[in-house]
């Protein structure tokens, strides 16, 4: 696999061209960021763990009928993925109140606190725009500004909820509670016959999930970095080990 030009570099990953126009290399960095990169550090081994965990989760979702961009894992930091035009909407599915949801809504009229179990999963949409701090938006914003059609948004929502059900079971099997998580979707550069026009992209890892140990409540996700708890790599390594993954760290 020949590395070509770097096409994009985000907070936690970089994207490179390959010798095949509709395929890309996704490289997992050791950068840890929070609050739209206002907080930043390099944590050795984080990228390797996210690569392994995301590959495992995406593969399992694919086996369950979820269409995604992953082709294969190349090495301990890279994946070969299908080129997609990313829809600039972050889709967040919440099972338990935590993080920004509590900050926005907790009060007399909405009696929620950190850890309140929601009656049903709640799907939220955020505009993928760092300069605006990824503001929360409505379905009408998405369709009204042509970020996605009504049919596409319906598909995204239903797929996100289907992924939630699969992930809840997957994590429950290893003694982990799935609190919430973020998804991104894209339109493949090379559509496949019989496949949806929009597929799951980006990653699913402890970087974009909230994961709590079922027995102890211990945090196993990037909140360890956000809240200065330390032990981020140990927490990610624990998730990998519970999934039966072996990740060689420095």
C-alpha atoms as a PDB file:
ATOM      1  CA  UNK A   1       0.000   0.000   0.000  1.00  0.00           C
ATOM      2  CA  UNK A   2       1.619   3.226  -1.163  1.00  0.00           C
ATOM      3  CA  UNK A   3       1.175   6.318   0.956  1.00  0.00           C
ATOM      4  CA  UNK A   4       0.355   9.392  -1.079  1.00  0.00           C
ATOM      5  CA  UNK A   5      -0.486  12.897   0.025  1.00  0.00           C
ATOM      6  CA  UNK A   6      -2.089  13.707   3.337  1.00  0.00           C
ATOM      7  CA  UNK A   7      -5.641  14.794   2.537  1.00  0.00           C
ATOM      8  CA  UNK A   8      -6.846  15.735   5.990  1.00  0.00           C
ATOM      9  CA  UNK A   9      -5.628  15.856   9.556  1.00  0.00           C
ATOM     10  CA  UNK A  10      -8.087  16.015  12.396  1.00  0.00           C
ATOM     11  CA  UNK A  11      -7.722  16.032  16.146  1.00  0.00           C
ATOM     12  CA  UNK A  12      -7.226  12.273  16.494  1.00  0.00           C
ATOM     13  CA  UNK A  13      -6.765  10.902  12.970  1.00  0.00           C
ATOM     14  CA  UNK A  14      -5.139  11.704   9.644  1.00  0.00           C
ATOM     15  CA  UNK A  15      -6.360  10.651   6.201  1.00  0.00           C
ATOM     16  CA  UNK A  16      -4.002   9.755   3.346  1.00  0.00           C
ATOM     17  CA  UNK A  17      -4.592   9.043  -0.328  1.00  0.00           C
ATOM     18  CA  UNK A  18      -3.640   5.656  -1.786  1.00  0.00           C
ATOM     19  CA  UNK A  19      -2.931   4.387  -5.276  1.00  0.00           C
ATOM     20  CA  UNK A  20      -6.654   3.556  -5.572  1.00  0.00           C
ATOM     21  CA  UNK A  21      -8.820   6.677  -6.040  1.00  0.00           C
ATOM     22  CA  UNK A  22     -11.796   5.471  -4.025  1.00  0.00           C
ATOM     23  CA  UNK A  23      -9.767   4.083  -1.097  1.00  0.00           C
ATOM     24  CA  UNK A  24      -8.003   5.951   1.704  1.00  0.00           C
ATOM     25  CA  UNK A  25      -5.772   5.219   4.682  1.00  0.00           C
ATOM     26  CA  UNK A  26      -7.053   6.274   8.087  1.00  0.00           C
ATOM     27  CA  UNK A  27      -4.202   6.782  10.567  1.00  0.00           C
ATOM     28  CA  UNK A  28      -4.897   6.831  14.320  1.00  0.00           C
ATOM     29  CA  UNK A  29      -2.836   9.397  16.219  1.00  0.00           C
ATOM     30  CA  UNK A  30      -1.870   9.499  19.890  1.00  0.00           C
ATOM     31  CA  UNK A  31      -3.326  12.996  20.292  1.00  0.00           C
ATOM     32  CA  UNK A  32      -5.919  13.435  23.022  1.00  0.00           C
ATOM     33  CA  UNK A  33      -8.132  16.519  22.772  1.00  0.00           C
ATOM     34  CA  UNK A  34     -11.146  17.904  24.603  1.00  0.00           C
ATOM     35  CA  UNK A  35     -13.354  20.977  24.430  1.00  0.00           C
ATOM     36  CA  UNK A  36     -12.715  21.419  20.696  1.00  0.00           C
ATOM     37  CA  UNK A  37      -8.962  21.013  21.117  1.00  0.00           C
ATOM     38  CA  UNK A  38      -8.700  23.698  23.795  1.00  0.00           C
ATOM     39  CA  UNK A  39      -7.172  20.901  25.852  1.00  0.00           C
ATOM     40  CA  UNK A  40      -4.522  18.778  24.148  1.00  0.00           C
ATOM     41  CA  UNK A  41      -1.911  16.166  24.980  1.00  0.00           C
ATOM     42  CA  UNK A  42      -0.052  13.262  23.374  1.00  0.00           C
ATOM     43  CA  UNK A  43      -0.758   9.945  25.097  1.00  0.00           C
ATOM     44  CA  UNK A  44       1.469   7.139  23.835  1.00  0.00           C
ATOM     45  CA  UNK A  45      -0.439   4.075  22.662  1.00  0.00           C
ATOM     46  CA  UNK A  46      -3.860   5.698  22.442  1.00  0.00           C
ATOM     47  CA  UNK A  47      -3.960   5.529  18.636  1.00  0.00           C
ATOM     48  CA  UNK A  48      -3.089   1.834  18.538  1.00  0.00           C
ATOM     49  CA  UNK A  49      -5.842   1.014  21.015  1.00  0.00           C
ATOM     50  CA  UNK A  50      -8.469   3.061  19.178  1.00  0.00           C
ATOM     51  CA  UNK A  51      -7.481   1.435  15.887  1.00  0.00           C
ATOM     52  CA  UNK A  52      -7.876  -2.070  17.306  1.00  0.00           C
ATOM     53  CA  UNK A  53     -11.123  -1.362  19.171  1.00  0.00           C
ATOM     54  CA  UNK A  54     -12.749   0.509  16.288  1.00  0.00           C
ATOM     55  CA  UNK A  55     -11.758  -2.218  13.821  1.00  0.00           C
ATOM     56  CA  UNK A  56     -13.296  -4.845  16.103  1.00  0.00           C
ATOM     57  CA  UNK A  57     -16.536  -2.917  16.606  1.00  0.00           C
ATOM     58  CA  UNK A  58     -16.940  -1.933  12.930  1.00  0.00           C
ATOM     59  CA  UNK A  59     -16.334  -5.540  11.876  1.00  0.00           C
ATOM     60  CA  UNK A  60     -18.989  -6.813  14.271  1.00  0.00           C
ATOM     61  CA  UNK A  61     -21.455  -4.178  13.068  1.00  0.00           C
ATOM     62  CA  UNK A  62     -20.764  -5.215   9.474  1.00  0.00           C
ATOM     63  CA  UNK A  63     -21.533  -8.825  10.349  1.00  0.00           C
ATOM     64  CA  UNK A  64     -24.887  -7.580  11.687  1.00  0.00           C
ATOM     65  CA  UNK A  65     -25.780  -5.795   8.452  1.00  0.00           C
ATOM     66  CA  UNK A  66     -24.535  -2.256   9.147  1.00  0.00           C
ATOM     67  CA  UNK A  67     -22.855  -0.827   6.046  1.00  0.00           C
ATOM     68  CA  UNK A  68     -19.618   1.021   6.836  1.00  0.00           C
ATOM     69  CA  UNK A  69     -16.449   2.396   5.267  1.00  0.00           C
ATOM     70  CA  UNK A  70     -13.956  -0.055   6.790  1.00  0.00           C
ATOM     71  CA  UNK A  71     -12.200  -2.382   4.344  1.00  0.00           C
ATOM     72  CA  UNK A  72      -9.494  -3.861   6.564  1.00  0.00           C
ATOM     73  CA  UNK A  73      -6.916  -3.105   9.219  1.00  0.00           C
ATOM     74  CA  UNK A  74      -3.488  -2.540   7.668  1.00  0.00           C
ATOM     75  CA  UNK A  75      -1.304  -2.409  10.768  1.00  0.00           C
ATOM     76  CA  UNK A  76      -1.434  -1.270  14.392  1.00  0.00           C
ATOM     77  CA  UNK A  77      -2.195   2.353  13.468  1.00  0.00           C
ATOM     78  CA  UNK A  78      -3.825   2.260  10.043  1.00  0.00           C
ATOM     79  CA  UNK A  79      -7.003   1.112   8.378  1.00  0.00           C
ATOM     80  CA  UNK A  80      -7.885   0.916   4.706  1.00  0.00           C
ATOM     81  CA  UNK A  81     -11.254   2.608   4.252  1.00  0.00           C
ATOM     82  CA  UNK A  82     -13.616   3.539   1.463  1.00  0.00           C
ATOM     83  CA  UNK A  83     -13.514   7.160   0.403  1.00  0.00           C
ATOM     84  CA  UNK A  84     -16.672   8.978   1.482  1.00  0.00           C
ATOM     85  CA  UNK A  85     -17.972  12.512   1.417  1.00  0.00           C
ATOM     86  CA  UNK A  86     -18.706  13.028   5.093  1.00  0.00           C
ATOM     87  CA  UNK A  87     -22.070  14.556   5.971  1.00  0.00           C
ATOM     88  CA  UNK A  88     -21.209  17.480   8.303  1.00  0.00           C
ATOM     89  CA  UNK A  89     -23.521  16.281  11.063  1.00  0.00           C
ATOM     90  CA  UNK A  90     -22.446  14.476  14.221  1.00  0.00           C
ATOM     91  CA  UNK A  91     -25.106  12.050  15.413  1.00  0.00           C
ATOM     92  CA  UNK A  92     -25.156  11.432  19.163  1.00  0.00           C
ATOM     93  CA  UNK A  93     -27.213   8.641  20.727  1.00  0.00           C
ATOM     94  CA  UNK A  94     -27.773   8.874  24.491  1.00  0.00           C
ATOM     95  CA  UNK A  95     -28.955   6.106  26.800  1.00  0.00           C
ATOM     96  CA  UNK A  96     -27.989   7.763  30.084  1.00  0.00           C
ATOM     97  CA  UNK A  97     -27.789  11.481  30.871  1.00  0.00           C
ATOM     98  CA  UNK A  98     -24.179  12.662  31.000  1.00  0.00           C
ATOM     99  CA  UNK A  99     -21.845  15.386  29.824  1.00  0.00           C
ATOM    100  CA  UNK A 100     -23.241  18.326  27.878  1.00  0.00           C
ATOM    101  CA  UNK A 101     -26.806  17.011  28.043  1.00  0.00           C
ATOM    102  CA  UNK A 102     -26.855  17.484  31.819  1.00  0.00           C
ATOM    103  CA  UNK A 103     -25.305  20.932  31.516  1.00  0.00           C
ATOM    104  CA  UNK A 104     -27.913  22.034  28.981  1.00  0.00           C
ATOM    105  CA  UNK A 105     -31.057  20.556  30.477  1.00  0.00           C
ATOM    106  CA  UNK A 106     -30.786  19.795  34.187  1.00  0.00           C
ATOM    107  CA  UNK A 107     -33.161  21.897  36.266  1.00  0.00           C
ATOM    108  CA  UNK A 108     -36.565  22.126  37.880  1.00  0.00           C
ATOM    109  CA  UNK A 109     -38.508  21.295  34.708  1.00  0.00           C
ATOM    110  CA  UNK A 110     -36.184  18.493  33.567  1.00  0.00           C
ATOM    111  CA  UNK A 111     -35.058  16.627  36.691  1.00  0.00           C
ATOM    112  CA  UNK A 112     -31.986  14.852  35.352  1.00  0.00           C
ATOM    113  CA  UNK A 113     -28.523  14.442  36.795  1.00  0.00           C
ATOM    114  CA  UNK A 114     -25.353  12.740  35.662  1.00  0.00           C
ATOM    115  CA  UNK A 115     -26.278   9.070  35.435  1.00  0.00           C
ATOM    116  CA  UNK A 116     -30.048   9.415  35.020  1.00  0.00           C
ATOM    117  CA  UNK A 117     -31.297   6.552  32.833  1.00  0.00           C
ATOM    118  CA  UNK A 118     -33.369   7.855  29.919  1.00  0.00           C
ATOM    119  CA  UNK A 119     -36.772   6.298  29.222  1.00  0.00           C
ATOM    120  CA  UNK A 120     -35.782   5.694  25.610  1.00  0.00           C
ATOM    121  CA  UNK A 121     -32.592   6.453  23.657  1.00  0.00           C
ATOM    122  CA  UNK A 122     -32.380  10.086  22.563  1.00  0.00           C
ATOM    123  CA  UNK A 123     -30.820  11.011  19.210  1.00  0.00           C
ATOM    124  CA  UNK A 124     -29.230  14.450  18.910  1.00  0.00           C
ATOM    125  CA  UNK A 125     -27.628  16.197  15.938  1.00  0.00           C
ATOM    126  CA  UNK A 126     -24.666  18.571  16.015  1.00  0.00           C
ATOM    127  CA  UNK A 127     -23.249  20.617  13.161  1.00  0.00           C
ATOM    128  CA  UNK A 128     -19.704  19.405  12.482  1.00  0.00           C
ATOM    129  CA  UNK A 129     -18.036  22.812  12.687  1.00  0.00           C
ATOM    130  CA  UNK A 130     -15.192  23.353  15.159  1.00  0.00           C
ATOM    131  CA  UNK A 131     -15.235  27.134  14.682  1.00  0.00           C
ATOM    132  CA  UNK A 132     -18.784  27.192  16.087  1.00  0.00           C
ATOM    133  CA  UNK A 133     -18.087  24.582  18.797  1.00  0.00           C
ATOM    134  CA  UNK A 134     -20.269  22.000  17.032  1.00  0.00           C
ATOM    135  CA  UNK A 135     -23.669  23.540  17.895  1.00  0.00           C
ATOM    136  CA  UNK A 136     -26.690  21.332  18.442  1.00  0.00           C
ATOM    137  CA  UNK A 137     -29.126  21.506  15.506  1.00  0.00           C
ATOM    138  CA  UNK A 138     -32.539  20.119  14.603  1.00  0.00           C
ATOM    139  CA  UNK A 139     -33.700  17.789  11.853  1.00  0.00           C
ATOM    140  CA  UNK A 140     -35.210  20.843  10.145  1.00  0.00           C
ATOM    141  CA  UNK A 141     -31.794  22.512  10.044  1.00  0.00           C
ATOM    142  CA  UNK A 142     -30.326  19.413   8.399  1.00  0.00           C
ATOM    143  CA  UNK A 143     -32.979  19.106   5.712  1.00  0.00           C
ATOM    144  CA  UNK A 144     -33.589  22.851   5.322  1.00  0.00           C
ATOM    145  CA  UNK A 145     -29.934  23.576   4.576  1.00  0.00           C
ATOM    146  CA  UNK A 146     -29.589  20.493   2.357  1.00  0.00           C
ATOM    147  CA  UNK A 147     -27.090  18.691   4.563  1.00  0.00           C
ATOM    148  CA  UNK A 148     -29.224  15.579   4.033  1.00  0.00           C
ATOM    149  CA  UNK A 149     -32.635  14.845   2.581  1.00  0.00           C
ATOM    150  CA  UNK A 150     -35.589  13.772   4.711  1.00  0.00           C
ATOM    151  CA  UNK A 151     -35.218  10.178   3.506  1.00  0.00           C
ATOM    152  CA  UNK A 152     -31.486  10.221   4.220  1.00  0.00           C
ATOM    153  CA  UNK A 153     -32.017  11.631   7.697  1.00  0.00           C
ATOM    154  CA  UNK A 154     -34.649   8.996   8.434  1.00  0.00           C
ATOM    155  CA  UNK A 155     -32.151   6.332   7.375  1.00  0.00           C
ATOM    156  CA  UNK A 156     -29.412   7.910   9.537  1.00  0.00           C
ATOM    157  CA  UNK A 157     -31.668   8.031  12.591  1.00  0.00           C
ATOM    158  CA  UNK A 158     -32.912   4.455  12.231  1.00  0.00           C
ATOM    159  CA  UNK A 159     -29.394   3.185  11.574  1.00  0.00           C
ATOM    160  CA  UNK A 160     -28.041   5.056  14.604  1.00  0.00           C
ATOM    161  CA  UNK A 161     -30.701   3.440  16.799  1.00  0.00           C
ATOM    162  CA  UNK A 162     -29.952   0.006  15.319  1.00  0.00           C
ATOM    163  CA  UNK A 163     -26.245   0.545  16.030  1.00  0.00           C
ATOM    164  CA  UNK A 164     -27.148   1.568  19.575  1.00  0.00           C
ATOM    165  CA  UNK A 165     -28.969  -1.708  20.178  1.00  0.00           C
ATOM    166  CA  UNK A 166     -26.027  -3.716  18.824  1.00  0.00           C
ATOM    167  CA  UNK A 167     -23.436  -1.754  20.783  1.00  0.00           C
ATOM    168  CA  UNK A 168     -25.390  -1.952  24.032  1.00  0.00           C
ATOM    169  CA  UNK A 169     -25.389  -5.747  23.747  1.00  0.00           C
ATOM    170  CA  UNK A 170     -21.746  -5.871  22.647  1.00  0.00           C
ATOM    171  CA  UNK A 171     -20.581  -3.815  25.615  1.00  0.00           C
ATOM    172  CA  UNK A 172     -22.942  -5.495  28.068  1.00  0.00           C
ATOM    173  CA  UNK A 173     -21.302  -8.811  27.174  1.00  0.00           C
ATOM    174  CA  UNK A 174     -17.980  -7.457  28.511  1.00  0.00           C
ATOM    175  CA  UNK A 175     -19.445  -5.810  31.610  1.00  0.00           C
ATOM    176  CA  UNK A 176     -19.595  -2.269  30.237  1.00  0.00           C
ATOM    177  CA  UNK A 177     -22.524   0.177  30.174  1.00  0.00           C
ATOM    178  CA  UNK A 178     -22.851   2.217  26.968  1.00  0.00           C
ATOM    179  CA  UNK A 179     -23.820   5.682  28.175  1.00  0.00           C
ATOM    180  CA  UNK A 180     -23.729   7.541  24.857  1.00  0.00           C
ATOM    181  CA  UNK A 181     -21.716   7.730  21.631  1.00  0.00           C
ATOM    182  CA  UNK A 182     -21.116   9.783  18.487  1.00  0.00           C
ATOM    183  CA  UNK A 183     -21.453   8.627  14.875  1.00  0.00           C
ATOM    184  CA  UNK A 184     -20.611  10.126  11.504  1.00  0.00           C
ATOM    185  CA  UNK A 185     -21.983   9.086   8.128  1.00  0.00           C
ATOM    186  CA  UNK A 186     -20.815   9.619   4.570  1.00  0.00           C
ATOM    187  CA  UNK A 187     -21.657   9.090   0.919  1.00  0.00           C
ATOM    188  CA  UNK A 188     -19.275   6.567  -0.710  1.00  0.00           C
ATOM    189  CA  UNK A 189     -17.234   7.812  -3.665  1.00  0.00           C
ATOM    190  CA  UNK A 190     -17.860   4.448  -5.321  1.00  0.00           C
ATOM    191  CA  UNK A 191     -21.383   3.230  -4.516  1.00  0.00           C
ATOM    192  CA  UNK A 192     -22.040  -0.500  -4.388  1.00  0.00           C
ATOM    193  CA  UNK A 193     -25.159  -2.007  -5.933  1.00  0.00           C
ATOM    194  CA  UNK A 194     -27.738  -2.834  -3.283  1.00  0.00           C
ATOM    195  CA  UNK A 195     -26.002  -0.735  -0.644  1.00  0.00           C
ATOM    196  CA  UNK A 196     -27.525   2.381   0.970  1.00  0.00           C
ATOM    197  CA  UNK A 197     -26.390   5.727  -0.425  1.00  0.00           C
ATOM    198  CA  UNK A 198     -25.095   6.641   3.044  1.00  0.00           C
ATOM    199  CA  UNK A 199     -22.843   4.459   5.181  1.00  0.00           C
ATOM    200  CA  UNK A 200     -21.275   4.604   8.630  1.00  0.00           C
ATOM    201  CA  UNK A 201     -17.840   6.283   8.662  1.00  0.00           C
ATOM    202  CA  UNK A 202     -15.207   7.677  11.071  1.00  0.00           C
ATOM    203  CA  UNK A 203     -14.572   5.375  14.094  1.00  0.00           C
ATOM    204  CA  UNK A 204     -16.265   3.873  17.138  1.00  0.00           C
ATOM    205  CA  UNK A 205     -13.899   3.758  20.085  1.00  0.00           C
ATOM    206  CA  UNK A 206     -13.539   4.989  23.660  1.00  0.00           C
ATOM    207  CA  UNK A 207     -12.697   8.364  22.119  1.00  0.00           C
ATOM    208  CA  UNK A 208     -16.295   8.888  20.989  1.00  0.00           C
ATOM    209  CA  UNK A 209     -18.236   6.671  23.406  1.00  0.00           C
ATOM    210  CA  UNK A 210     -18.970   7.080  27.106  1.00  0.00           C
ATOM    211  CA  UNK A 211     -18.313   3.720  28.748  1.00  0.00           C
ATOM    212  CA  UNK A 212     -18.803   2.883  32.425  1.00  0.00           C
ATOM    213  CA  UNK A 213     -17.847  -0.326  34.177  1.00  0.00           C
ATOM    214  CA  UNK A 214     -21.110  -2.041  35.084  1.00  0.00           C
ATOM    215  CA  UNK A 215     -19.897  -3.274  38.468  1.00  0.00           C
ATOM    216  CA  UNK A 216     -17.859  -0.311  39.686  1.00  0.00           C
ATOM    217  CA  UNK A 217     -18.998   2.676  37.603  1.00  0.00           C
ATOM    218  CA  UNK A 218     -15.365   3.298  36.658  1.00  0.00           C
ATOM    219  CA  UNK A 219     -14.962   5.518  33.564  1.00  0.00           C
ATOM    220  CA  UNK A 220     -13.439   3.722  30.570  1.00  0.00           C
ATOM    221  CA  UNK A 221     -13.477   6.501  27.970  1.00  0.00           C
ATOM    222  CA  UNK A 222     -12.051   9.916  27.042  1.00  0.00           C
ATOM    223  CA  UNK A 223     -13.734  11.524  30.051  1.00  0.00           C
ATOM    224  CA  UNK A 224     -10.655  10.327  31.924  1.00  0.00           C
ATOM    225  CA  UNK A 225      -8.727  12.947  29.930  1.00  0.00           C
ATOM    226  CA  UNK A 226     -11.462  15.593  30.024  1.00  0.00           C
ATOM    227  CA  UNK A 227     -11.732  15.354  33.812  1.00  0.00           C
ATOM    228  CA  UNK A 228      -7.992  14.929  34.540  1.00  0.00           C
ATOM    229  CA  UNK A 229      -8.546  11.487  36.047  1.00  0.00           C
ATOM    230  CA  UNK A 230      -5.461   9.937  34.461  1.00  0.00           C
ATOM    231  CA  UNK A 231      -5.188   6.296  33.409  1.00  0.00           C
ATOM    232  CA  UNK A 232      -6.641   6.784  29.927  1.00  0.00           C
ATOM    233  CA  UNK A 233      -4.445   4.179  28.240  1.00  0.00           C
ATOM    234  CA  UNK A 234      -5.114   1.678  31.042  1.00  0.00           C
ATOM    235  CA  UNK A 235      -8.872   2.189  30.582  1.00  0.00           C
ATOM    236  CA  UNK A 236      -8.679   1.771  26.790  1.00  0.00           C
ATOM    237  CA  UNK A 237      -6.429  -1.267  27.238  1.00  0.00           C
ATOM    238  CA  UNK A 238      -9.028  -2.780  29.572  1.00  0.00           C
ATOM    239  CA  UNK A 239     -11.728  -2.398  26.904  1.00  0.00           C
ATOM    240  CA  UNK A 240      -9.457  -3.997  24.302  1.00  0.00           C
ATOM    241  CA  UNK A 241      -8.600  -6.886  26.622  1.00  0.00           C
ATOM    242  CA  UNK A 242     -12.267  -7.533  27.440  1.00  0.00           C
ATOM    243  CA  UNK A 243     -12.937  -7.771  23.701  1.00  0.00           C
ATOM    244  CA  UNK A 244     -10.142 -10.318  23.434  1.00  0.00           C
ATOM    245  CA  UNK A 245      -7.819  -7.982  21.540  1.00  0.00           C
ATOM    246  CA  UNK A 246      -4.042  -7.987  21.937  1.00  0.00           C
ATOM    247  CA  UNK A 247      -2.455  -4.572  21.432  1.00  0.00           C
ATOM    248  CA  UNK A 248       1.296  -4.150  21.745  1.00  0.00           C
ATOM    249  CA  UNK A 249       2.120  -0.880  23.492  1.00  0.00           C
ATOM    250  CA  UNK A 250       5.512   0.792  24.082  1.00  0.00           C
END
